Amino acid sequence: MPRRCQVRGTKPGFGNNVSHSQRHTKRRWNPNIQKKRYWVPSLGRQVTLTLTPKAMKEIDRRGVDVVIAEMLARGEKI
């Protein structure tokens, strides 16, 4: 499973660890991805989404029907 938010598209960030002696080693910052189930009245079923907490707040604010409709318009498989 890719570590990517289905709503916002958040993906890992890449960069370097820098030690006290200034040695650079590669690292990545993974997003806080969580699985969450929502009841979608327009589809008449539950859907499981992989989301970041920021996307969960967005769904709470805008409504699950609006967010799911945008995802379907983008061609996202649900």
C-alpha atoms as a PDB file:
ATOM      1  CA  MET A   1       0.000   0.000   0.000  1.00  0.00           C
ATOM      2  CA  PRO A   2       1.482   3.366  -0.941  1.00  0.00           C
ATOM      3  CA  ARG A   3       1.806   5.826   1.921  1.00  0.00           C
ATOM      4  CA  ARG A   4      -0.418   8.417   0.320  1.00  0.00           C
ATOM      5  CA  CYS A   5      -3.564  10.220   1.475  1.00  0.00           C
ATOM      6  CA  GLN A   6      -6.517   9.538  -0.822  1.00  0.00           C
ATOM      7  CA  VAL A   7      -8.147  12.922  -0.183  1.00  0.00           C
ATOM      8  CA  ARG A   8      -5.251  15.397  -0.085  1.00  0.00           C
ATOM      9  CA  GLY A   9      -2.589  13.409  -1.939  1.00  0.00           C
ATOM     10  CA  THR A  10      -0.036  13.859   0.847  1.00  0.00           C
ATOM     11  CA  LYS A  11       3.019  11.689   0.235  1.00  0.00           C
ATOM     12  CA  PRO A  12       6.378  11.170   1.968  1.00  0.00           C
ATOM     13  CA  GLY A  13       8.898  13.989   2.048  1.00  0.00           C
ATOM     14  CA  PHE A  14      12.572  13.294   1.410  1.00  0.00           C
ATOM     15  CA  GLY A  15      15.717  14.924   2.703  1.00  0.00           C
ATOM     16  CA  ASN A  16      18.805  14.382   4.802  1.00  0.00           C
ATOM     17  CA  ASN A  17      19.604  13.648   8.411  1.00  0.00           C
ATOM     18  CA  VAL A  18      22.430  15.976   9.385  1.00  0.00           C
ATOM     19  CA  SER A  19      24.564  14.884  12.335  1.00  0.00           C
ATOM     20  CA  HIS A  20      26.542  17.120  14.620  1.00  0.00           C
ATOM     21  CA  SER A  21      29.617  16.459  12.427  1.00  0.00           C
ATOM     22  CA  GLN A  22      27.577  17.558   9.382  1.00  0.00           C
ATOM     23  CA  ARG A  23      27.399  14.064   7.800  1.00  0.00           C
ATOM     24  CA  HIS A  24      24.367  13.790   5.515  1.00  0.00           C
ATOM     25  CA  THR A  25      22.393  10.551   5.235  1.00  0.00           C
ATOM     26  CA  LYS A  26      19.145  10.126   3.309  1.00  0.00           C
ATOM     27  CA  ARG A  27      15.860   9.894   5.190  1.00  0.00           C
ATOM     28  CA  ARG A  28      12.148  10.261   4.584  1.00  0.00           C
ATOM     29  CA  TRP A  29       9.276  11.785   6.526  1.00  0.00           C
ATOM     30  CA  ASN A  30       6.204   9.572   6.234  1.00  0.00           C
ATOM     31  CA  PRO A  31       2.751  11.148   6.531  1.00  0.00           C
ATOM     32  CA  ASN A  32       0.509  10.048   9.403  1.00  0.00           C
ATOM     33  CA  ILE A  33      -1.694   7.717   7.312  1.00  0.00           C
ATOM     34  CA  GLN A  34      -4.659   6.041   9.014  1.00  0.00           C
ATOM     35  CA  LYS A  35      -7.538   3.897   7.770  1.00  0.00           C
ATOM     36  CA  LYS A  36     -11.016   5.214   8.515  1.00  0.00           C
ATOM     37  CA  ARG A  37     -14.465   3.990   7.516  1.00  0.00           C
ATOM     38  CA  TYR A  38     -17.217   6.420   6.554  1.00  0.00           C
ATOM     39  CA  TRP A  39     -20.875   5.888   5.710  1.00  0.00           C
ATOM     40  CA  VAL A  40     -21.559   7.602   2.368  1.00  0.00           C
ATOM     41  CA  PRO A  41     -25.307   8.239   1.918  1.00  0.00           C
ATOM     42  CA  SER A  42     -24.984   9.055  -1.807  1.00  0.00           C
ATOM     43  CA  LEU A  43     -23.396   5.633  -2.476  1.00  0.00           C
ATOM     44  CA  GLY A  44     -25.511   3.843   0.111  1.00  0.00           C
ATOM     45  CA  ARG A  45     -22.526   1.983   1.577  1.00  0.00           C
ATOM     46  CA  GLN A  46     -19.469   2.304   3.766  1.00  0.00           C
ATOM     47  CA  VAL A  47     -16.103   3.174   2.276  1.00  0.00           C
ATOM     48  CA  THR A  48     -12.670   2.711   3.824  1.00  0.00           C
ATOM     49  CA  LEU A  49     -10.224   5.514   3.114  1.00  0.00           C
ATOM     50  CA  THR A  50      -6.539   5.970   3.919  1.00  0.00           C
ATOM     51  CA  LEU A  51      -6.300   9.495   5.287  1.00  0.00           C
ATOM     52  CA  THR A  52      -4.172  11.951   7.177  1.00  0.00           C
ATOM     53  CA  PRO A  53      -5.700  13.670  10.227  1.00  0.00           C
ATOM     54  CA  LYS A  54      -5.871  16.909   8.219  1.00  0.00           C
ATOM     55  CA  ALA A  55      -8.022  15.134   5.606  1.00  0.00           C
ATOM     56  CA  MET A  56     -10.280  13.803   8.380  1.00  0.00           C
ATOM     57  CA  LYS A  57     -10.828  17.386   9.557  1.00  0.00           C
ATOM     58  CA  GLU A  58     -11.595  18.391   5.967  1.00  0.00           C
ATOM     59  CA  ILE A  59     -14.234  15.650   5.704  1.00  0.00           C
ATOM     60  CA  ASP A  60     -15.764  16.764   9.032  1.00  0.00           C
ATOM     61  CA  ARG A  61     -15.870  20.373   7.828  1.00  0.00           C
ATOM     62  CA  ARG A  62     -17.102  19.885   4.231  1.00  0.00           C
ATOM     63  CA  GLY A  63     -19.001  16.623   4.480  1.00  0.00           C
ATOM     64  CA  VAL A  64     -18.188  13.149   3.230  1.00  0.00           C
ATOM     65  CA  ASP A  65     -20.510  13.365   0.188  1.00  0.00           C
ATOM     66  CA  VAL A  66     -18.727  16.443  -1.206  1.00  0.00           C
ATOM     67  CA  VAL A  67     -15.250  14.993  -0.699  1.00  0.00           C
ATOM     68  CA  ILE A  68     -16.191  11.597  -2.201  1.00  0.00           C
ATOM     69  CA  ALA A  69     -17.783  13.335  -5.211  1.00  0.00           C
ATOM     70  CA  GLU A  70     -14.521  15.230  -5.844  1.00  0.00           C
ATOM     71  CA  MET A  71     -12.521  12.021  -5.536  1.00  0.00           C
ATOM     72  CA  LEU A  72     -14.768  10.262  -8.056  1.00  0.00           C
ATOM     73  CA  ALA A  73     -14.486  13.243 -10.437  1.00  0.00           C
ATOM     74  CA  ARG A  74     -10.669  12.923 -10.256  1.00  0.00           C
ATOM     75  CA  GLY A  75     -10.961   9.265 -11.199  1.00  0.00           C
ATOM     76  CA  GLU A  76      -9.961   7.926  -7.779  1.00  0.00           C
ATOM     77  CA  LYS A  77     -11.128   4.365  -7.164  1.00  0.00           C
ATOM     78  CA  ILE A  78     -13.135   3.969  -3.962  1.00  0.00           C
END
